[in-house]
C-alpha atoms as a PDB file:
ATOM      1  CA  MET A   1      -1.786 -27.868  -3.336  1.00  0.00           C
ATOM      2  CA  LEU A   2      -2.920 -24.449  -2.249  1.00  0.00           C
ATOM      3  CA  GLU A   3      -3.952 -22.266  -5.182  1.00  0.00           C
ATOM      4  CA  PHE A   4      -1.766 -19.192  -4.951  1.00  0.00           C
ATOM      5  CA  LYS A   5      -2.231 -16.139  -7.150  1.00  0.00           C
ATOM      6  CA  ASN A   6      -0.299 -12.971  -7.845  1.00  0.00           C
ATOM      7  CA  VAL A   7      -1.053  -9.930  -5.680  1.00  0.00           C
ATOM      8  CA  GLU A   8      -2.850  -7.156  -7.571  1.00  0.00           C
ATOM      9  CA  ILE A   9      -4.324  -3.873  -6.429  1.00  0.00           C
ATOM     10  CA  GLU A  10      -7.817  -5.370  -6.720  1.00  0.00           C
ATOM     11  CA  ASP A  11      -6.893  -7.824  -3.955  1.00  0.00           C
ATOM     12  CA  LYS A  12      -6.544  -5.139  -1.285  1.00  0.00           C
ATOM     13  CA  ASP A  13      -9.919  -5.778   0.362  1.00  0.00           C
ATOM     14  CA  ILE A  14      -9.410  -9.544   0.357  1.00  0.00           C
ATOM     15  CA  ILE A  15      -5.978  -9.373   1.967  1.00  0.00           C
ATOM     16  CA  GLU A  16      -6.885  -6.652   4.452  1.00  0.00           C
ATOM     17  CA  LYS A  17      -9.839  -8.733   5.595  1.00  0.00           C
ATOM     18  CA  TYR A  18      -7.201 -10.871   7.334  1.00  0.00           C
ATOM     19  CA  THR A  19      -4.438  -8.386   8.111  1.00  0.00           C
ATOM     20  CA  TYR A  20      -5.997  -5.003   8.904  1.00  0.00           C
ATOM     21  CA  ASP A  21      -6.002  -4.143  12.599  1.00  0.00           C
ATOM     22  CA  LYS A  22      -4.167  -7.314  13.633  1.00  0.00           C
ATOM     23  CA  GLU A  23      -1.617  -5.131  15.447  1.00  0.00           C
ATOM     24  CA  TYR A  24       1.269  -7.532  14.990  1.00  0.00           C
ATOM     25  CA  PHE A  25       3.470  -4.433  14.588  1.00  0.00           C
ATOM     26  CA  MET A  26       4.883  -5.785  11.352  1.00  0.00           C
ATOM     27  CA  CYS A  27       4.961  -4.107   7.955  1.00  0.00           C
ATOM     28  CA  SER A  28       5.047  -7.574   6.353  1.00  0.00           C
ATOM     29  CA  TYR A  29       1.248  -7.644   6.711  1.00  0.00           C
ATOM     30  CA  CYS A  30       0.577  -4.084   5.564  1.00  0.00           C
ATOM     31  CA  PHE A  31      -1.008  -4.187   2.125  1.00  0.00           C
ATOM     32  CA  GLY A  32       0.956  -1.135   1.024  1.00  0.00           C
ATOM     33  CA  ASP A  33       4.206  -3.013   1.571  1.00  0.00           C
ATOM     34  CA  ILE A  34       2.893  -6.273   0.142  1.00  0.00           C
ATOM     35  CA  PHE A  35       1.803  -4.515  -3.043  1.00  0.00           C
ATOM     36  CA  MET A  36       4.905  -2.325  -3.466  1.00  0.00           C
ATOM     37  CA  TRP A  37       7.354  -5.166  -3.145  1.00  0.00           C
ATOM     38  CA  ARG A  38       5.327  -7.954  -4.773  1.00  0.00           C
ATOM     39  CA  ARG A  39       7.494  -8.079  -7.894  1.00  0.00           C
ATOM     40  CA  LYS A  40      10.809  -8.141  -6.058  1.00  0.00           C
ATOM     41  CA  TYR A  41       9.685 -11.054  -3.892  1.00  0.00           C
ATOM     42  CA  ASP A  42       7.243 -12.655  -6.353  1.00  0.00           C
ATOM     43  CA  THR A  43       4.619 -12.458  -3.600  1.00  0.00           C
ATOM     44  CA  LYS A  44       1.576 -14.686  -3.992  1.00  0.00           C
ATOM     45  CA  TYR A  45      -1.415 -15.309  -1.777  1.00  0.00           C
ATOM     46  CA  CYS A  46      -4.246 -17.745  -1.146  1.00  0.00           C
ATOM     47  CA  ALA A  47      -7.305 -17.098   1.014  1.00  0.00           C
ATOM     48  CA  LYS A  48      -8.781 -20.346   2.305  1.00  0.00           C
ATOM     49  CA  ASN A  49     -10.658 -21.579   5.377  1.00  0.00           C
ATOM     50  CA  ASP A  50     -10.444 -18.349   7.393  1.00  0.00           C
ATOM     51  CA  PHE A  51      -6.715 -17.904   6.752  1.00  0.00           C
ATOM     52  CA  LEU A  52      -4.520 -15.866   4.465  1.00  0.00           C
ATOM     53  CA  TYR A  53      -1.498 -17.729   3.136  1.00  0.00           C
ATOM     54  CA  MET A  54       1.349 -15.913   1.402  1.00  0.00           C
ATOM     55  CA  THR A  55       4.599 -16.978  -0.210  1.00  0.00           C
ATOM     56  CA  ILE A  56       7.722 -15.334  -1.570  1.00  0.00           C
ATOM     57  CA  THR A  57      10.141 -16.959  -3.996  1.00  0.00           C
ATOM     58  CA  ASP A  58      13.929 -16.828  -4.160  1.00  0.00           C
ATOM     59  CA  PRO A  59      14.713 -15.701  -7.746  1.00  0.00           C
ATOM     60  CA  THR A  60      17.988 -17.669  -7.811  1.00  0.00           C
ATOM     61  CA  SER A  61      17.016 -21.022  -6.331  1.00  0.00           C
ATOM     62  CA  GLY A  62      13.286 -20.901  -6.985  1.00  0.00           C
ATOM     63  CA  ASN A  63      12.658 -22.018  -3.402  1.00  0.00           C
ATOM     64  CA  ILE A  64       9.361 -20.947  -1.899  1.00  0.00           C
ATOM     65  CA  THR A  65       9.175 -19.510   1.603  1.00  0.00           C
ATOM     66  CA  TYR A  66       5.888 -19.155   3.452  1.00  0.00           C
ATOM     67  CA  LEU A  67       4.839 -16.208   5.532  1.00  0.00           C
ATOM     68  CA  CYS A  68       2.981 -16.992   8.707  1.00  0.00           C
ATOM     69  CA  PRO A  69      -0.689 -17.840   8.066  1.00  0.00           C
ATOM     70  CA  ILE A  70      -2.877 -14.980   9.261  1.00  0.00           C
ATOM     71  CA  GLY A  71      -6.469 -15.524  10.291  1.00  0.00           C
ATOM     72  CA  ASN A  72      -8.933 -16.324  13.056  1.00  0.00           C
ATOM     73  CA  GLY A  73      -9.260 -20.052  12.678  1.00  0.00           C
ATOM     74  CA  ASP A  74      -7.271 -23.061  13.887  1.00  0.00           C
ATOM     75  CA  ILE A  75      -3.561 -22.224  13.548  1.00  0.00           C
ATOM     76  CA  LYS A  76      -2.680 -25.909  13.837  1.00  0.00           C
ATOM     77  CA  LYS A  77      -4.680 -26.699  10.703  1.00  0.00           C
ATOM     78  CA  ALA A  78      -3.236 -23.675   8.912  1.00  0.00           C
ATOM     79  CA  ILE A  79       0.341 -24.782   9.616  1.00  0.00           C
ATOM     80  CA  SER A  80      -0.558 -28.272   8.417  1.00  0.00           C
ATOM     81  CA  GLU A  81      -1.870 -26.755   5.179  1.00  0.00           C
ATOM     82  CA  ILE A  82       1.374 -24.998   4.306  1.00  0.00           C
ATOM     83  CA  LYS A  83       3.489 -27.930   5.470  1.00  0.00           C
ATOM     84  CA  LYS A  84       1.561 -30.224   3.148  1.00  0.00           C
ATOM     85  CA  ASP A  85       1.809 -27.701   0.327  1.00  0.00           C
ATOM     86  CA  SER A  86       5.556 -27.381   0.862  1.00  0.00           C
ATOM     87  CA  LEU A  87       6.007 -31.147   0.725  1.00  0.00           C
ATOM     88  CA  GLU A  88       3.978 -31.443  -2.477  1.00  0.00           C
ATOM     89  CA  ARG A  89       6.102 -28.738  -4.105  1.00  0.00           C
ATOM     90  CA  GLY A  90       9.355 -30.342  -2.987  1.00  0.00           C
ATOM     91  CA  ASN A  91      10.395 -27.346  -0.881  1.00  0.00           C
ATOM     92  CA  GLU A  92      12.145 -27.209   2.444  1.00  0.00           C
ATOM     93  CA  PHE A  93       9.518 -26.192   4.973  1.00  0.00           C
ATOM     94  CA  ARG A  94      10.312 -22.743   6.324  1.00  0.00           C
ATOM     95  CA  VAL A  95       8.074 -19.963   7.628  1.00  0.00           C
ATOM     96  CA  ILE A  96       9.083 -16.348   8.142  1.00  0.00           C
ATOM     97  CA  ALA A  97       7.486 -13.253   9.697  1.00  0.00           C
ATOM     98  CA  VAL A  98       5.900 -15.191  12.547  1.00  0.00           C
ATOM     99  CA  PRO A  99       4.474 -12.606  14.991  1.00  0.00           C
ATOM    100  CA  GLU A 100       5.271 -13.079  18.662  1.00  0.00           C
ATOM    101  CA  LYS A 101       1.592 -13.667  19.498  1.00  0.00           C
ATOM    102  CA  VAL A 102       1.263 -16.368  16.859  1.00  0.00           C
ATOM    103  CA  LYS A 103       4.509 -18.039  17.959  1.00  0.00           C
ATOM    104  CA  GLU A 104       3.088 -18.382  21.446  1.00  0.00           C
ATOM    105  CA  GLU A 105      -0.110 -19.893  20.066  1.00  0.00           C
ATOM    106  CA  ILE A 106       1.814 -22.390  17.929  1.00  0.00           C
ATOM    107  CA  GLU A 107       3.982 -23.430  20.882  1.00  0.00           C
ATOM    108  CA  GLU A 108       0.897 -23.917  23.031  1.00  0.00           C
ATOM    109  CA  LYS A 109      -1.002 -26.011  20.497  1.00  0.00           C
ATOM    110  CA  MET A 110       1.982 -27.829  18.966  1.00  0.00           C
ATOM    111  CA  PRO A 111       4.607 -28.081  21.708  1.00  0.00           C
ATOM    112  CA  ASP A 112       8.123 -29.160  20.683  1.00  0.00           C
ATOM    113  CA  ARG A 113       7.191 -29.399  17.000  1.00  0.00           C
ATOM    114  CA  TYR A 114       8.955 -26.297  15.707  1.00  0.00           C
ATOM    115  CA  GLU A 115      12.089 -24.262  16.294  1.00  0.00           C
ATOM    116  CA  PHE A 116      11.893 -20.469  16.279  1.00  0.00           C
ATOM    117  CA  THR A 117      14.700 -18.010  15.594  1.00  0.00           C
ATOM    118  CA  GLU A 118      14.220 -14.327  16.282  1.00  0.00           C
ATOM    119  CA  ASN A 119      14.921 -12.261  13.161  1.00  0.00           C
ATOM    120  CA  ARG A 120      16.326  -8.992  14.545  1.00  0.00           C
ATOM    121  CA  ASP A 121      17.177  -7.505  11.141  1.00  0.00           C
ATOM    122  CA  SER A 122      13.531  -7.651  10.071  1.00  0.00           C
ATOM    123  CA  GLU A 123      11.966  -6.288  13.250  1.00  0.00           C
ATOM    124  CA  ASP A 124       9.958  -3.100  12.787  1.00  0.00           C
ATOM    125  CA  TYR A 125      10.576   0.058  14.800  1.00  0.00           C
ATOM    126  CA  ILE A 126       7.331   1.190  16.426  1.00  0.00           C
ATOM    127  CA  TYR A 127       6.971   4.712  17.804  1.00  0.00           C
ATOM    128  CA  LEU A 128       4.227   6.612  19.553  1.00  0.00           C
ATOM    129  CA  ALA A 129       2.773   8.973  16.956  1.00  0.00           C
ATOM    130  CA  GLU A 130       2.570  11.886  19.398  1.00  0.00           C
ATOM    131  CA  ASN A 131       6.294  11.565  20.126  1.00  0.00           C
ATOM    132  CA  MET A 132       7.187  11.708  16.441  1.00  0.00           C
ATOM    133  CA  ILE A 133       4.936  14.715  15.927  1.00  0.00           C
ATOM    134  CA  GLU A 134       5.806  16.757  19.004  1.00  0.00           C
ATOM    135  CA  LEU A 135       9.400  15.583  19.663  1.00  0.00           C
ATOM    136  CA  LYS A 136       8.918  16.339  23.337  1.00  0.00           C
ATOM    137  CA  GLY A 137      11.215  15.293  26.133  1.00  0.00           C
ATOM    138  CA  LYS A 138      14.913  14.993  26.835  1.00  0.00           C
ATOM    139  CA  LYS A 139      15.457  11.931  24.646  1.00  0.00           C
ATOM    140  CA  LEU A 140      14.250  13.696  21.515  1.00  0.00           C
ATOM    141  CA  HIS A 141      15.903  17.001  22.348  1.00  0.00           C
ATOM    142  CA  SER A 142      18.473  16.722  19.534  1.00  0.00           C
ATOM    143  CA  LYS A 143      15.791  15.896  16.949  1.00  0.00           C
ATOM    144  CA  ARG A 144      13.726  18.856  18.075  1.00  0.00           C
ATOM    145  CA  ASN A 145      16.788  21.085  17.759  1.00  0.00           C
ATOM    146  CA  PHE A 146      17.430  19.929  14.186  1.00  0.00           C
ATOM    147  CA  VAL A 147      13.829  20.728  13.236  1.00  0.00           C
ATOM    148  CA  ASN A 148      13.852  24.132  14.938  1.00  0.00           C
ATOM    149  CA  ARG A 149      17.190  25.112  13.406  1.00  0.00           C
ATOM    150  CA  PHE A 150      15.960  24.094   9.965  1.00  0.00           C
ATOM    151  CA  LYS A 151      12.799  26.189  10.355  1.00  0.00           C
ATOM    152  CA  LYS A 152      14.752  29.188  11.597  1.00  0.00           C
ATOM    153  CA  MET A 153      17.529  28.988   9.013  1.00  0.00           C
ATOM    154  CA  TYR A 154      15.143  28.620   6.095  1.00  0.00           C
ATOM    155  CA  GLU A 155      12.267  30.716   7.377  1.00  0.00           C
ATOM    156  CA  GLY A 156      10.064  31.795   4.480  1.00  0.00           C
ATOM    157  CA  ARG A 157      11.996  29.528   2.089  1.00  0.00           C
ATOM    158  CA  TRP A 158      10.722  26.063   3.008  1.00  0.00           C
ATOM    159  CA  GLU A 159       7.307  24.403   2.904  1.00  0.00           C
ATOM    160  CA  TYR A 160       5.679  21.028   3.411  1.00  0.00           C
ATOM    161  CA  GLU A 161       3.542  19.978   0.455  1.00  0.00           C
ATOM    162  CA  ALA A 162       1.186  17.010   0.532  1.00  0.00           C
ATOM    163  CA  MET A 163       1.123  14.673  -2.437  1.00  0.00           C
ATOM    164  CA  ASN A 164      -1.728  15.285  -4.877  1.00  0.00           C
ATOM    165  CA  GLU A 165      -2.607  14.513  -8.483  1.00  0.00           C
ATOM    166  CA  ASN A 166      -0.644  17.523  -9.727  1.00  0.00           C
ATOM    167  CA  ASN A 167       2.639  16.938  -7.903  1.00  0.00           C
ATOM    168  CA  ILE A 168       2.806  13.143  -7.552  1.00  0.00           C
ATOM    169  CA  GLY A 169       5.451  12.935 -10.259  1.00  0.00           C
ATOM    170  CA  GLN A 170       7.780  15.117  -8.200  1.00  0.00           C
ATOM    171  CA  LEU A 171       8.130  12.390  -5.577  1.00  0.00           C
ATOM    172  CA  PHE A 172       9.287   9.901  -8.184  1.00  0.00           C
ATOM    173  CA  GLU A 173      11.633  12.462  -9.721  1.00  0.00           C
ATOM    174  CA  PHE A 174      13.204  13.000  -6.294  1.00  0.00           C
ATOM    175  CA  GLN A 175      13.776   9.251  -5.903  1.00  0.00           C
ATOM    176  CA  LEU A 176      15.725   9.290  -9.183  1.00  0.00           C
ATOM    177  CA  LYS A 177      17.622  12.384  -8.058  1.00  0.00           C
ATOM    178  CA  TRP A 178      18.438  10.807  -4.699  1.00  0.00           C
ATOM    179  CA  CYS A 179      19.870   7.730  -6.456  1.00  0.00           C
ATOM    180  CA  ARG A 180      22.027   9.951  -8.678  1.00  0.00           C
ATOM    181  CA  ILE A 181      23.293  12.060  -5.760  1.00  0.00           C
ATOM    182  CA  ASN A 182      24.206   8.946  -3.782  1.00  0.00           C
ATOM    183  CA  GLY A 183      25.694   6.978  -6.681  1.00  0.00           C
ATOM    184  CA  ARG A 184      22.971   4.315  -6.524  1.00  0.00           C
ATOM    185  CA  GLU A 185      21.776   4.424 -10.129  1.00  0.00           C
ATOM    186  CA  GLU A 186      23.235   1.001 -10.940  1.00  0.00           C
ATOM    187  CA  ASP A 187      22.647  -0.543  -7.518  1.00  0.00           C
ATOM    188  CA  ASN A 188      20.170  -3.390  -7.952  1.00  0.00           C
ATOM    189  CA  ASP A 189      18.613  -2.920  -4.517  1.00  0.00           C
ATOM    190  CA  PHE A 190      17.810   0.705  -5.276  1.00  0.00           C
ATOM    191  CA  LEU A 191      16.603  -0.109  -8.788  1.00  0.00           C
ATOM    192  CA  GLU A 192      14.124  -2.472  -7.138  1.00  0.00           C
ATOM    193  CA  GLU A 193      13.189   0.231  -4.656  1.00  0.00           C
ATOM    194  CA  THR A 194      12.591   2.695  -7.494  1.00  0.00           C
ATOM    195  CA  CYS A 195      10.350   0.119  -9.172  1.00  0.00           C
ATOM    196  CA  ALA A 196       8.454  -0.394  -5.895  1.00  0.00           C
ATOM    197  CA  ILE A 197       7.922   3.353  -5.503  1.00  0.00           C
ATOM    198  CA  SER A 198       6.692   3.574  -9.090  1.00  0.00           C
ATOM    199  CA  GLN A 199       4.183   0.785  -8.449  1.00  0.00           C
ATOM    200  CA  ALA A 200       2.919   2.485  -5.297  1.00  0.00           C
ATOM    201  CA  LEU A 201       2.544   5.901  -6.910  1.00  0.00           C
ATOM    202  CA  ARG A 202       0.675   4.479  -9.903  1.00  0.00           C
ATOM    203  CA  SER A 203      -1.919   3.018  -7.544  1.00  0.00           C
ATOM    204  CA  ALA A 204      -1.707   5.686  -4.840  1.00  0.00           C
ATOM    205  CA  LYS A 205      -5.445   6.389  -4.594  1.00  0.00           C
ATOM    206  CA  LYS A 206      -6.514   2.743  -4.418  1.00  0.00           C
ATOM    207  CA  LEU A 207      -3.737   1.997  -1.924  1.00  0.00           C
ATOM    208  CA  GLY A 208      -4.743   4.868   0.319  1.00  0.00           C
ATOM    209  CA  LEU A 209      -1.143   6.020  -0.012  1.00  0.00           C
ATOM    210  CA  LYS A 210      -0.170   9.304   1.607  1.00  0.00           C
ATOM    211  CA  GLY A 211       2.812  11.284   0.419  1.00  0.00           C
ATOM    212  CA  GLY A 212       4.539  14.484   1.326  1.00  0.00           C
ATOM    213  CA  MET A 213       7.615  16.503   0.461  1.00  0.00           C
ATOM    214  CA  ILE A 214       9.728  19.274   1.865  1.00  0.00           C
ATOM    215  CA  LYS A 215      10.564  22.017  -0.618  1.00  0.00           C
ATOM    216  CA  LEU A 216      13.344  24.537  -0.172  1.00  0.00           C
ATOM    217  CA  ASP A 217      13.215  27.534  -2.512  1.00  0.00           C
ATOM    218  CA  GLY A 218      10.690  25.544  -4.533  1.00  0.00           C
ATOM    219  CA  GLU A 219      12.957  22.512  -4.954  1.00  0.00           C
ATOM    220  CA  VAL A 220      12.144  19.125  -3.407  1.00  0.00           C
ATOM    221  CA  ILE A 221      14.763  18.132  -0.826  1.00  0.00           C
ATOM    222  CA  ALA A 222      12.920  15.349   1.030  1.00  0.00           C
ATOM    223  CA  ILE A 223      10.000  12.966   0.527  1.00  0.00           C
ATOM    224  CA  SER A 224       8.011  10.423   2.503  1.00  0.00           C
ATOM    225  CA  LEU A 225       5.350   7.845   1.608  1.00  0.00           C
ATOM    226  CA  GLY A 226       3.148   5.732   3.847  1.00  0.00           C
ATOM    227  CA  SER A 227      -0.202   4.084   4.422  1.00  0.00           C
ATOM    228  CA  LYS A 228      -2.368   2.800   7.263  1.00  0.00           C
ATOM    229  CA  ALA A 229      -2.138  -0.805   8.391  1.00  0.00           C
ATOM    230  CA  GLY A 230      -5.021  -0.499  10.837  1.00  0.00           C
ATOM    231  CA  GLN A 231      -6.981   2.086  12.768  1.00  0.00           C
ATOM    232  CA  ASN A 232      -4.065   2.628  15.162  1.00  0.00           C
ATOM    233  CA  MET A 233      -1.047   2.084  12.906  1.00  0.00           C
ATOM    234  CA  PHE A 234       0.532   4.126  10.101  1.00  0.00           C
ATOM    235  CA  VAL A 235       3.465   2.602   8.219  1.00  0.00           C
ATOM    236  CA  ILE A 236       6.225   4.731   6.687  1.00  0.00           C
ATOM    237  CA  HIS A 237       7.257   2.969   3.477  1.00  0.00           C
ATOM    238  CA  ILE A 238       9.763   5.464   2.107  1.00  0.00           C
ATOM    239  CA  GLU A 239      11.688   8.373   3.569  1.00  0.00           C
ATOM    240  CA  LYS A 240      14.432  10.124   1.594  1.00  0.00           C
ATOM    241  CA  ALA A 241      16.212  13.455   1.945  1.00  0.00           C
ATOM    242  CA  VAL A 242      19.265  15.333   0.739  1.00  0.00           C
ATOM    243  CA  SER A 243      21.681  14.420   3.511  1.00  0.00           C
ATOM    244  CA  ASP A 244      23.916  17.436   2.878  1.00  0.00           C
ATOM    245  CA  ILE A 245      21.148  19.726   4.107  1.00  0.00           C
ATOM    246  CA  ALA A 246      21.221  19.678   7.905  1.00  0.00           C
ATOM    247  CA  GLY A 247      17.806  18.844   9.345  1.00  0.00           C
ATOM    248  CA  ALA A 248      16.305  17.627   6.055  1.00  0.00           C
ATOM    249  CA  TYR A 249      15.640  14.120   7.360  1.00  0.00           C
ATOM    250  CA  GLN A 250      14.364  15.345  10.707  1.00  0.00           C
ATOM    251  CA  ILE A 251      11.985  17.886   9.175  1.00  0.00           C
ATOM    252  CA  ILE A 252      10.400  15.450   6.702  1.00  0.00           C
ATOM    253  CA  ASN A 253      10.027  12.899   9.495  1.00  0.00           C
ATOM    254  CA  GLN A 254       8.303  15.363  11.835  1.00  0.00           C
ATOM    255  CA  GLN A 255       6.207  17.138   9.215  1.00  0.00           C
ATOM    256  CA  PHE A 256       4.976  13.966   7.551  1.00  0.00           C
ATOM    257  CA  ALA A 257       3.928  12.592  10.928  1.00  0.00           C
ATOM    258  CA  GLU A 258       2.193  15.864  11.817  1.00  0.00           C
ATOM    259  CA  HIS A 259       0.202  15.933   8.586  1.00  0.00           C
ATOM    260  CA  ASN A 260      -0.695  12.238   8.348  1.00  0.00           C
ATOM    261  CA  CYS A 261      -0.484  10.482  11.701  1.00  0.00           C
ATOM    262  CA  GLY A 262      -2.529  12.576  14.104  1.00  0.00           C
ATOM    263  CA  ASP A 263      -5.333   9.995  14.142  1.00  0.00           C
ATOM    264  CA  VAL A 264      -3.240   6.909  15.006  1.00  0.00           C
ATOM    265  CA  MET A 265      -1.427   5.764  18.128  1.00  0.00           C
ATOM    266  CA  TYR A 266       1.591   4.193  16.458  1.00  0.00           C
ATOM    267  CA  ILE A 267       3.966   4.862  13.592  1.00  0.00           C
ATOM    268  CA  ASP A 268       5.821   1.896  12.100  1.00  0.00           C
ATOM    269  CA  ARG A 269       9.077   2.945  10.438  1.00  0.00           C
ATOM    270  CA  GLU A 270       9.801  -0.604   9.271  1.00  0.00           C
ATOM    271  CA  GLU A 271      12.999  -2.589   9.750  1.00  0.00           C
ATOM    272  CA  ASP A 272      16.695  -1.738   9.454  1.00  0.00           C
ATOM    273  CA  LEU A 273      17.719  -4.803   7.378  1.00  0.00           C
ATOM    274  CA  GLY A 274      20.794  -5.160   9.564  1.00  0.00           C
ATOM    275  CA  ILE A 275      22.305  -1.964   8.132  1.00  0.00           C
ATOM    276  CA  GLU A 276      24.319  -0.383  10.959  1.00  0.00           C
ATOM    277  CA  GLY A 277      23.725   3.248   9.993  1.00  0.00           C
ATOM    278  CA  LEU A 278      20.006   2.708   9.526  1.00  0.00           C
ATOM    279  CA  ARG A 279      19.760   0.876  12.833  1.00  0.00           C
ATOM    280  CA  LYS A 280      21.517   3.716  14.638  1.00  0.00           C
ATOM    281  CA  ALA A 281      19.238   6.313  13.023  1.00  0.00           C
ATOM    282  CA  LYS A 282      16.051   4.457  13.955  1.00  0.00           C
ATOM    283  CA  LEU A 283      17.173   3.749  17.504  1.00  0.00           C
ATOM    284  CA  SER A 284      17.981   7.439  17.937  1.00  0.00           C
ATOM    285  CA  TYR A 285      14.229   8.168  17.890  1.00  0.00           C
ATOM    286  CA  TYR A 286      13.714   5.778  20.828  1.00  0.00           C
ATOM    287  CA  PRO A 287      11.045   3.331  19.627  1.00  0.00           C
ATOM    288  CA  GLU A 288       8.213   2.492  21.971  1.00  0.00           C
ATOM    289  CA  ARG A 289       8.595  -1.159  21.054  1.00  0.00           C
ATOM    290  CA  MET A 290       9.897  -3.492  18.354  1.00  0.00           C
ATOM    291  CA  GLY A 291       7.808  -5.660  16.059  1.00  0.00           C
ATOM    292  CA  ILE A 292       9.416  -8.887  17.188  1.00  0.00           C
ATOM    293  CA  ASN A 293       9.064 -11.753  14.719  1.00  0.00           C
ATOM    294  CA  PHE A 294      10.537 -15.165  14.088  1.00  0.00           C
ATOM    295  CA  MET A 295      11.614 -17.649  11.458  1.00  0.00           C
ATOM    296  CA  MET A 296      10.173 -21.092  12.003  1.00  0.00           C
ATOM    297  CA  LYS A 297      11.197 -24.586  10.919  1.00  0.00           C
ATOM    298  CA  GLU A 298      10.450 -28.094  12.051  1.00  0.00           C
ATOM    299  CA  ALA A 299      12.430 -29.154  15.108  1.00  0.00           C
ATOM    300  CA  GLU A 300      15.052 -31.857  14.525  1.00  0.00           C
ATOM    301  CA  ASN A 301      13.574 -34.050  17.225  1.00  0.00           C
ATOM    302  CA  ALA A 302       9.981 -33.002  16.712  1.00  0.00           C
ATOM    303  CA  LYS A 303       7.391 -34.937  18.679  1.00  0.00           C
ATOM    304  CA  ILE A 304       4.777 -35.976  16.143  1.00  0.00           C
END
């Protein structure tokens, strides 16, 4: 069996050796995301023979699911490794988060062996950083208007404040406030999100985590957190705002990008999880592309 271990902050360099700058356009391979959500998904990893292997575990059934092996070696051997490991553990063989590029490589080297299903709900929204910063053009006209109206209405009363050692607790406090305002205090999904944010903030420096907040009359009304997944990609992990304040979401989006994403080409705002409102909001910013990925299983009539 492969020797998997829990993901800890000390493993950042090991994991990023395989994932950083891959440009698969997927937050699944951003260490910030892996670390934040490791407890929810019981994420484990194994680095072996030029590949990174990762698994998540279903807390109810105990079934293990493999993420796509990431590396520079022979993908055929890497798939064989996890297939063998799955068999030895008595699991159904299933692989998720297979990047489009890797799918093509697998199909070329192992034709007719596996079936692939596109996973739309988990596809990341990828935007050009300059578009998110400048909001130029007809398509982003409404977003630009929200930002300008917010600035005009609250002139002299609002400010963007970057996360630092003295105010880091304010971001977590806003997460708790946001859950209260939206009646999510007992919602398990948001309890897990609050835990993930806590984990990220506790290790912010080692993660390379960037944070920012919008304050209105000295009170936090919006926050955002993110980290780099490569030289050309910045991933937004968390974005929250008081929805009753018109322009709050648009201003934190634009200001956070302006202060943190000027040195990258792309901004990854992660997936929509199939949530209709979230999908509509992310499409409204007109992504440059989607981080297409697939679920993979052995074909019923696989040619061995």
